[in-house]
């Protein structure tokens, strides 16, 4: 699984390449962290720093932006292709 360094710590790159509406590697051997993972939004909500309505609205906004993104860059359907597709999009749509 791809990882990246953020603030001197290793993190899995998101979105996870094995996630497609749900985890696709439950039957495979996978890192223990997968079951323990909580995104930053879930952590904020769990600590009471964000209420449910705010969380729900933000998630809906993110999903909407994701749909818009894939309409603009349809060939970016996998994590590996994302950067290549984005750079191609920028080159094609410079103006």
N, C-alpha and C. Protein backbone atom coordinates (compact mmCIF):
# COMPACT_ATOMS: atom_id res chain seq x y z
N UNK A 1 0.85 -1.17 0.00
CA UNK A 1 0.00 0.00 0.00
C UNK A 1 0.89 1.23 0.00
N UNK A 2 0.52 2.21 -0.78
CA UNK A 2 1.31 3.43 -0.90
C UNK A 2 1.26 4.23 0.39
N UNK A 3 2.41 4.80 0.76
CA UNK A 3 2.50 5.61 1.97
C UNK A 3 3.14 6.95 1.63
N UNK A 4 2.93 7.92 2.51
CA UNK A 4 3.55 9.23 2.34
C UNK A 4 3.95 9.75 3.71
N UNK A 5 4.91 10.67 3.74
CA UNK A 5 5.39 11.24 4.98
C UNK A 5 4.69 12.58 5.19
N UNK A 6 4.01 12.73 6.34
CA UNK A 6 3.36 13.99 6.71
C UNK A 6 3.77 14.29 8.15
N UNK A 7 4.34 15.45 8.35
CA UNK A 7 4.77 15.86 9.69
C UNK A 7 5.62 14.79 10.37
N UNK A 8 6.61 14.27 9.63
CA UNK A 8 7.55 13.26 10.13
C UNK A 8 6.89 11.94 10.54
N UNK A 9 5.70 11.65 10.01
CA UNK A 9 5.03 10.38 10.27
C UNK A 9 4.59 9.78 8.94
N UNK A 10 4.63 8.44 8.86
CA UNK A 10 4.14 7.76 7.67
C UNK A 10 2.63 7.56 7.76
N UNK A 11 1.96 7.83 6.64
CA UNK A 11 0.52 7.65 6.53
C UNK A 11 0.24 6.94 5.22
N UNK A 12 -0.84 6.15 5.19
CA UNK A 12 -1.27 5.57 3.93
C UNK A 12 -1.82 6.68 3.06
N UNK A 13 -1.49 6.63 1.78
CA UNK A 13 -2.04 7.62 0.85
C UNK A 13 -3.53 7.36 0.70
N UNK A 14 -4.28 8.43 0.71
CA UNK A 14 -5.73 8.32 0.55
C UNK A 14 -6.13 8.99 -0.75
N UNK A 15 -7.11 8.54 -1.44
CA UNK A 15 -7.93 7.41 -1.04
C UNK A 15 -7.16 6.11 -1.18
N UNK A 16 -7.47 5.16 -0.32
CA UNK A 16 -6.82 3.86 -0.37
C UNK A 16 -7.13 3.22 -1.72
N UNK A 17 -6.11 2.65 -2.32
CA UNK A 17 -6.29 2.05 -3.64
C UNK A 17 -7.18 0.81 -3.60
N UNK A 18 -7.42 0.27 -2.41
CA UNK A 18 -8.28 -0.92 -2.29
C UNK A 18 -9.70 -0.57 -1.87
N UNK A 19 -10.01 0.70 -1.79
CA UNK A 19 -11.34 1.12 -1.38
C UNK A 19 -12.13 1.54 -2.61
N UNK A 20 -13.26 0.87 -2.85
CA UNK A 20 -14.15 1.19 -3.96
C UNK A 20 -15.58 1.07 -3.44
N UNK A 21 -16.06 2.11 -2.79
CA UNK A 21 -17.35 2.16 -2.10
C UNK A 21 -17.33 1.33 -0.81
N UNK A 22 -16.42 0.41 -0.69
CA UNK A 22 -16.18 -0.37 0.52
C UNK A 22 -14.80 -1.00 0.37
N UNK A 23 -14.27 -1.54 1.45
CA UNK A 23 -12.95 -2.18 1.40
C UNK A 23 -13.03 -3.43 0.54
N UNK A 24 -12.13 -3.56 -0.40
CA UNK A 24 -12.15 -4.71 -1.31
C UNK A 24 -11.14 -5.79 -0.92
N UNK A 25 -10.48 -5.64 0.22
CA UNK A 25 -9.46 -6.62 0.62
C UNK A 25 -9.76 -7.28 1.96
N UNK A 26 -11.04 -7.32 2.36
CA UNK A 26 -11.38 -7.96 3.63
C UNK A 26 -10.96 -9.43 3.66
N UNK A 27 -11.00 -10.11 2.55
CA UNK A 27 -10.65 -11.52 2.51
C UNK A 27 -9.14 -11.74 2.39
N UNK A 28 -8.40 -10.67 2.19
CA UNK A 28 -6.95 -10.74 2.04
C UNK A 28 -6.26 -10.34 3.35
N UNK A 29 -5.00 -10.67 3.45
CA UNK A 29 -4.22 -10.20 4.60
C UNK A 29 -3.99 -8.71 4.41
N UNK A 30 -4.32 -7.93 5.42
CA UNK A 30 -4.17 -6.47 5.31
C UNK A 30 -3.63 -5.93 6.62
N UNK A 31 -3.10 -4.72 6.59
CA UNK A 31 -2.54 -4.14 7.82
C UNK A 31 -3.60 -4.00 8.91
N UNK A 32 -3.21 -4.21 10.15
CA UNK A 32 -4.14 -4.06 11.28
C UNK A 32 -4.72 -2.66 11.36
N UNK A 33 -3.96 -1.68 10.93
CA UNK A 33 -4.41 -0.28 11.02
C UNK A 33 -5.69 -0.05 10.23
N UNK A 34 -5.94 -0.87 9.21
CA UNK A 34 -7.14 -0.68 8.39
C UNK A 34 -8.41 -0.70 9.24
N UNK A 35 -8.49 -1.63 10.18
CA UNK A 35 -9.68 -1.72 11.02
C UNK A 35 -9.76 -0.64 12.07
N UNK A 36 -8.62 -0.04 12.40
CA UNK A 36 -8.56 0.99 13.43
C UNK A 36 -8.60 2.40 12.87
N UNK A 37 -8.50 2.53 11.54
CA UNK A 37 -8.37 3.85 10.93
C UNK A 37 -9.59 4.73 11.19
N UNK A 38 -9.33 5.97 11.56
CA UNK A 38 -10.37 6.99 11.69
C UNK A 38 -9.84 8.24 10.99
N UNK A 39 -10.60 8.73 10.02
CA UNK A 39 -10.18 9.94 9.31
C UNK A 39 -10.24 11.13 10.27
N UNK A 40 -9.68 12.23 9.85
CA UNK A 40 -9.65 13.43 10.70
C UNK A 40 -11.05 13.90 11.06
N UNK A 41 -11.98 13.79 10.12
CA UNK A 41 -13.36 14.22 10.40
C UNK A 41 -13.99 13.35 11.49
N UNK A 42 -13.79 12.04 11.40
CA UNK A 42 -14.35 11.15 12.41
C UNK A 42 -13.72 11.40 13.78
N UNK A 43 -12.42 11.68 13.79
CA UNK A 43 -11.75 12.00 15.05
C UNK A 43 -12.34 13.27 15.67
N UNK A 44 -12.54 14.31 14.84
CA UNK A 44 -13.13 15.56 15.35
C UNK A 44 -14.52 15.31 15.92
N UNK A 45 -15.33 14.55 15.17
CA UNK A 45 -16.68 14.25 15.62
C UNK A 45 -16.65 13.46 16.94
N UNK A 46 -15.76 12.46 17.01
CA UNK A 46 -15.66 11.62 18.20
C UNK A 46 -15.25 12.43 19.43
N UNK A 47 -14.46 13.49 19.22
CA UNK A 47 -14.00 14.33 20.33
C UNK A 47 -14.98 15.46 20.64
N UNK A 48 -16.11 15.51 19.90
CA UNK A 48 -17.10 16.55 20.14
C UNK A 48 -16.74 17.90 19.56
N UNK A 49 -15.76 17.93 18.67
CA UNK A 49 -15.33 19.19 18.06
C UNK A 49 -16.14 19.53 16.81
N UNK A 50 -17.05 18.63 16.44
CA UNK A 50 -17.89 18.83 15.26
C UNK A 50 -19.21 18.12 15.52
N UNK A 51 -20.32 18.78 15.22
CA UNK A 51 -21.60 18.10 15.44
C UNK A 51 -21.98 17.29 14.20
N UNK A 52 -22.97 16.41 14.36
CA UNK A 52 -23.33 15.48 13.31
C UNK A 52 -23.79 16.19 12.04
N UNK A 53 -24.59 17.23 12.17
CA UNK A 53 -25.10 17.95 10.99
C UNK A 53 -23.95 18.56 10.21
N UNK A 54 -23.00 19.16 10.91
CA UNK A 54 -21.83 19.76 10.26
C UNK A 54 -21.02 18.68 9.55
N UNK A 55 -20.83 17.55 10.21
CA UNK A 55 -20.09 16.43 9.63
C UNK A 55 -20.79 15.90 8.38
N UNK A 56 -22.09 15.69 8.48
CA UNK A 56 -22.88 15.18 7.35
C UNK A 56 -22.81 16.13 6.16
N UNK A 57 -22.96 17.43 6.42
CA UNK A 57 -22.91 18.42 5.34
C UNK A 57 -21.55 18.45 4.66
N UNK A 58 -20.50 18.36 5.46
CA UNK A 58 -19.15 18.37 4.90
C UNK A 58 -18.90 17.13 4.05
N UNK A 59 -19.35 15.98 4.51
CA UNK A 59 -19.18 14.75 3.73
C UNK A 59 -19.97 14.83 2.42
N UNK A 60 -21.17 15.37 2.46
CA UNK A 60 -21.95 15.54 1.23
C UNK A 60 -21.24 16.48 0.26
N UNK A 61 -20.65 17.55 0.79
CA UNK A 61 -19.92 18.49 -0.05
C UNK A 61 -18.70 17.80 -0.69
N UNK A 62 -17.99 17.00 0.09
CA UNK A 62 -16.82 16.29 -0.43
C UNK A 62 -17.24 15.31 -1.53
N UNK A 63 -18.33 14.58 -1.31
CA UNK A 63 -18.82 13.63 -2.33
C UNK A 63 -19.22 14.36 -3.60
N UNK A 64 -19.84 15.51 -3.45
CA UNK A 64 -20.25 16.31 -4.61
C UNK A 64 -19.02 16.77 -5.39
N UNK A 65 -18.00 17.23 -4.67
CA UNK A 65 -16.77 17.67 -5.32
C UNK A 65 -16.07 16.50 -6.02
N UNK A 66 -16.14 15.32 -5.40
CA UNK A 66 -15.53 14.13 -6.01
C UNK A 66 -16.23 13.79 -7.32
N UNK A 67 -17.56 13.83 -7.33
CA UNK A 67 -18.30 13.56 -8.57
C UNK A 67 -17.93 14.59 -9.64
N UNK A 68 -17.84 15.85 -9.24
CA UNK A 68 -17.46 16.92 -10.18
C UNK A 68 -16.05 16.68 -10.72
N UNK A 69 -15.15 16.30 -9.84
CA UNK A 69 -13.77 16.03 -10.23
C UNK A 69 -13.71 14.93 -11.29
N UNK A 70 -14.44 13.83 -11.05
CA UNK A 70 -14.40 12.73 -12.00
C UNK A 70 -15.11 13.05 -13.31
N UNK A 71 -16.01 14.01 -13.31
CA UNK A 71 -16.60 14.47 -14.58
C UNK A 71 -15.56 15.26 -15.36
N UNK A 72 -14.77 16.07 -14.66
CA UNK A 72 -13.74 16.87 -15.31
C UNK A 72 -12.55 16.02 -15.76
N UNK A 73 -12.21 15.02 -14.96
CA UNK A 73 -11.06 14.17 -15.25
C UNK A 73 -11.49 12.70 -15.17
N UNK A 74 -12.23 12.24 -16.18
CA UNK A 74 -12.82 10.89 -16.13
C UNK A 74 -11.80 9.76 -16.11
N UNK A 75 -10.59 9.99 -16.60
CA UNK A 75 -9.61 8.90 -16.63
C UNK A 75 -8.81 8.81 -15.33
N UNK A 76 -9.26 9.46 -14.28
CA UNK A 76 -8.58 9.42 -12.98
C UNK A 76 -9.33 8.50 -12.02
N UNK A 77 -9.73 7.35 -12.48
CA UNK A 77 -10.57 6.47 -11.66
C UNK A 77 -9.79 5.67 -10.62
N UNK A 78 -8.49 5.58 -10.75
CA UNK A 78 -7.72 4.85 -9.75
C UNK A 78 -6.68 5.78 -9.13
N UNK A 79 -6.25 5.43 -7.93
CA UNK A 79 -5.28 6.26 -7.22
C UNK A 79 -3.98 6.41 -8.03
N UNK A 80 -3.55 5.33 -8.68
CA UNK A 80 -2.31 5.38 -9.44
C UNK A 80 -2.40 6.32 -10.63
N UNK A 81 -3.58 6.44 -11.22
CA UNK A 81 -3.74 7.26 -12.41
C UNK A 81 -4.06 8.71 -12.09
N UNK A 82 -4.33 9.02 -10.86
CA UNK A 82 -4.83 10.34 -10.48
C UNK A 82 -3.87 11.45 -10.86
N UNK A 83 -2.62 11.38 -10.46
CA UNK A 83 -1.68 12.45 -10.74
C UNK A 83 -1.46 12.61 -12.24
N UNK A 84 -1.30 11.51 -12.95
CA UNK A 84 -1.11 11.56 -14.40
C UNK A 84 -2.31 12.20 -15.09
N UNK A 85 -3.51 11.81 -14.69
CA UNK A 85 -4.73 12.36 -15.29
C UNK A 85 -4.87 13.84 -14.95
N UNK A 86 -4.54 14.21 -13.74
CA UNK A 86 -4.63 15.62 -13.33
C UNK A 86 -3.66 16.48 -14.14
N UNK A 87 -2.44 16.03 -14.30
CA UNK A 87 -1.44 16.79 -15.08
C UNK A 87 -1.88 16.91 -16.54
N UNK A 88 -2.45 15.84 -17.08
CA UNK A 88 -2.96 15.87 -18.44
C UNK A 88 -4.10 16.88 -18.56
N UNK A 89 -4.99 16.88 -17.57
CA UNK A 89 -6.10 17.83 -17.54
C UNK A 89 -5.58 19.27 -17.53
N UNK A 90 -4.60 19.55 -16.67
CA UNK A 90 -4.03 20.90 -16.60
C UNK A 90 -3.42 21.33 -17.92
N UNK A 91 -2.71 20.40 -18.55
CA UNK A 91 -2.06 20.70 -19.83
C UNK A 91 -3.11 21.01 -20.90
N UNK A 92 -4.16 20.22 -20.94
CA UNK A 92 -5.23 20.38 -21.93
C UNK A 92 -6.06 21.64 -21.69
N UNK A 93 -6.20 22.02 -20.44
CA UNK A 93 -7.08 23.13 -20.08
C UNK A 93 -6.32 24.29 -19.45
N UNK A 94 -5.18 24.64 -20.00
CA UNK A 94 -4.35 25.71 -19.45
C UNK A 94 -5.10 27.03 -19.35
N UNK A 95 -5.92 27.30 -20.32
CA UNK A 95 -6.63 28.58 -20.32
C UNK A 95 -7.78 28.54 -19.34
